[in-house]
Amino acid sequence: MAASQDLFWWKKDAKLQVRLQAEVEALAKQPANAVCADCNCQERRGTRFVSVTLGTFLCNRCYGLHRALGAHVTRGKCIGLDAWHPDEVQLLRSVGNAVARSRFENGAPPQRQPNGAAASDRDVAAWIKDKYERRLWYAAS
C-alpha cells in the first residue's frame, strides 16, 4: 500500500510522534493550559488529557465527563500515552484553553462556572454539557 493510501501513516512515523509528543507536552505546560479548561483545577501533575476535537487541555475528572458526552461532541486523548495526528496538534496549538474559553464561555454567568477541584462532579458535568453540547454561551471568533 502506498504511503498516500495509508490512513495511519502518522502513527508509524516514530520521529514525527516524538516531535508531536514533545510539542503537546510543552503546550500543556503553558499557564492557560496547565489549568483544566472546564473545572479550573490545577492538578499537581498538570493537565494530562486533551479534547482533540475542541482543542482543550483537561484534568482527569473532566476528561471522564467529556467521554460521557460522546465522540460526536468531544474526543479525548491522554497526553502521555496516545499517538498524535499533526492536525490534532495543530488544533491544540491554535486553540488551547484561553481561546476555547473565549469561544465557549462568552457571556456565561460567573456564578455558574466551576471553581476548581472543590466543585461537585454534578455541577461540572452540567457545566460541560451546557458549554459544549448545548453551546449556551458559544460565540464564534
Protein backbone atom coordinates (compact mmCIF):
# COMPACT_ATOMS: atom_id res chain seq x y z
CA MET A 1 0.00 0.00 0.00
CA ALA A 2 1.39 3.40 -0.94
CA ALA A 3 2.03 5.92 1.84
CA SER A 4 -0.62 8.22 0.38
CA GLN A 5 -3.20 5.45 0.85
CA ASP A 6 -2.12 4.54 4.38
CA LEU A 7 -4.62 6.27 6.69
CA PHE A 8 -2.42 5.71 9.74
CA TRP A 9 0.95 6.80 8.33
CA TRP A 10 1.35 9.30 11.17
CA LYS A 11 1.22 6.58 13.84
CA LYS A 12 4.03 4.68 12.14
CA ASP A 13 6.41 7.65 11.87
CA ALA A 14 8.39 7.38 15.11
CA LYS A 15 10.31 10.64 14.63
CA LEU A 16 7.09 12.52 13.96
CA GLN A 17 5.48 11.06 17.07
CA VAL A 18 8.43 12.07 19.26
CA ARG A 19 8.24 15.65 17.92
CA LEU A 20 4.45 15.86 18.29
CA GLN A 21 4.51 14.36 21.78
CA ALA A 22 7.11 16.91 22.89
CA GLU A 23 5.02 19.74 21.45
CA VAL A 24 1.84 18.56 23.20
CA GLU A 25 3.71 18.30 26.49
CA ALA A 26 5.10 21.83 26.03
CA LEU A 27 1.63 23.17 25.20
CA ALA A 28 0.21 21.53 28.32
CA LYS A 29 2.73 23.43 30.45
CA GLN A 30 1.66 26.85 29.20
CA PRO A 31 -0.09 28.74 32.04
CA ALA A 32 -3.59 28.78 30.46
CA ASN A 33 -3.35 25.11 29.51
CA ALA A 34 -1.95 23.96 32.86
CA VAL A 35 -5.35 24.69 34.43
CA CYS A 36 -8.27 22.50 33.37
CA ALA A 37 -10.40 24.13 30.67
CA ASP A 38 -13.61 23.17 32.45
CA CYS A 39 -13.36 22.95 36.24
CA ASN A 40 -10.39 25.34 36.57
CA CYS A 41 -8.47 22.96 38.83
CA GLN A 42 -4.71 22.75 38.73
CA GLU A 43 -3.59 19.21 39.42
CA ARG A 44 -0.16 18.60 40.88
CA ARG A 45 0.95 16.83 37.68
CA GLY A 46 -0.80 19.34 35.42
CA THR A 47 -3.39 18.64 32.77
CA ARG A 48 -2.92 15.12 31.46
CA PHE A 49 -5.68 14.88 28.87
CA VAL A 50 -6.93 16.83 25.87
CA SER A 51 -10.01 17.09 23.73
CA VAL A 52 -8.68 16.74 20.19
CA THR A 53 -11.98 17.94 18.76
CA LEU A 54 -12.25 21.07 20.93
CA GLY A 55 -8.55 21.85 21.36
CA THR A 56 -8.65 21.97 25.17
CA PHE A 57 -6.50 20.62 28.00
CA LEU A 58 -8.32 18.74 30.76
CA CYS A 59 -7.90 17.23 34.21
CA ASN A 60 -8.67 13.57 34.88
CA ARG A 61 -12.21 14.21 36.15
CA CYS A 62 -13.24 16.44 33.25
CA TYR A 63 -11.72 14.01 30.75
CA GLY A 64 -14.10 11.36 32.09
CA LEU A 65 -17.03 13.75 31.89
CA HIS A 66 -16.12 14.58 28.27
CA ARG A 67 -16.12 10.88 27.43
CA ALA A 68 -19.67 10.66 28.74
CA LEU A 69 -20.78 13.31 26.21
CA GLY A 70 -19.82 11.08 23.31
CA ALA A 71 -17.36 11.31 20.44
CA HIS A 72 -19.80 13.33 18.36
CA VAL A 73 -19.25 16.23 20.81
CA THR A 74 -15.69 15.69 22.06
CA ARG A 75 -12.98 13.07 21.65
CA GLY A 76 -10.17 12.87 24.17
CA LYS A 77 -6.63 11.60 24.33
CA CYS A 78 -4.09 11.05 27.08
CA ILE A 79 -1.02 13.26 26.75
CA GLY A 80 1.49 10.59 27.73
CA LEU A 81 0.00 7.55 26.02
CA ASP A 82 -1.66 8.28 22.71
CA ALA A 83 -0.30 8.82 19.20
CA TRP A 84 -0.85 12.25 17.66
CA HIS A 85 -2.00 13.27 14.22
CA PRO A 86 -0.39 16.53 13.05
CA ASP A 87 -3.86 18.10 12.63
CA GLU A 88 -4.72 17.35 16.27
CA VAL A 89 -1.57 19.07 17.48
CA GLN A 90 -2.25 21.99 15.16
CA LEU A 91 -5.71 22.37 16.72
CA LEU A 92 -4.23 22.30 20.24
CA ARG A 93 -1.65 24.87 19.16
CA SER A 94 -4.21 27.20 17.60
CA VAL A 95 -6.97 26.87 20.22
CA GLY A 96 -5.82 25.93 23.71
CA ASN A 97 -7.75 26.74 26.86
CA ALA A 98 -7.66 30.54 26.61
CA VAL A 99 -9.17 30.68 23.11
CA ALA A 100 -11.64 27.89 23.92
CA ARG A 101 -12.86 29.78 26.99
CA SER A 102 -13.38 32.93 24.95
CA ARG A 103 -15.47 30.95 22.46
CA PHE A 104 -17.45 28.60 24.69
CA GLU A 105 -17.88 30.77 27.81
CA ASN A 106 -18.76 34.07 26.15
CA GLY A 107 -21.38 35.60 28.43
CA ALA A 108 -21.55 32.65 30.82
CA PRO A 109 -22.65 33.74 34.30
CA PRO A 110 -19.62 33.82 36.63
CA GLN A 111 -21.57 32.11 39.43
CA ARG A 112 -22.18 29.17 37.09
CA GLN A 113 -18.51 28.45 36.42
CA PRO A 114 -16.93 25.63 38.47
CA ASN A 115 -14.25 26.68 40.91
CA GLY A 116 -11.56 24.02 40.90
CA ALA A 117 -11.42 20.62 42.49
CA ALA A 118 -13.96 21.62 45.17
CA ALA A 119 -16.76 21.80 42.58
CA SER A 120 -19.09 18.81 42.65
CA ASP A 121 -18.98 16.29 39.80
CA ARG A 122 -22.65 17.00 39.14
CA ASP A 123 -22.06 20.74 38.75
CA VAL A 124 -19.04 20.23 36.50
CA ALA A 125 -20.92 17.69 34.35
CA ALA A 126 -23.81 20.12 33.89
CA TRP A 127 -21.36 22.92 33.05
CA ILE A 128 -19.60 20.78 30.43
CA LYS A 129 -22.88 19.68 28.87
CA ASP A 130 -24.19 23.26 28.69
CA LYS A 131 -20.86 24.54 27.42
CA TYR A 132 -20.10 22.02 24.65
CA GLU A 133 -23.24 20.05 23.82
CA ARG A 134 -25.88 22.76 24.22
CA ARG A 135 -23.42 25.59 23.40
CA LEU A 136 -25.37 28.00 25.58
CA TRP A 137 -22.66 30.66 25.57
CA TYR A 138 -20.82 29.91 22.33
CA ALA A 139 -19.54 32.81 20.25
CA ALA A 140 -17.56 32.12 17.10
CA SER A 141 -14.42 34.20 16.90
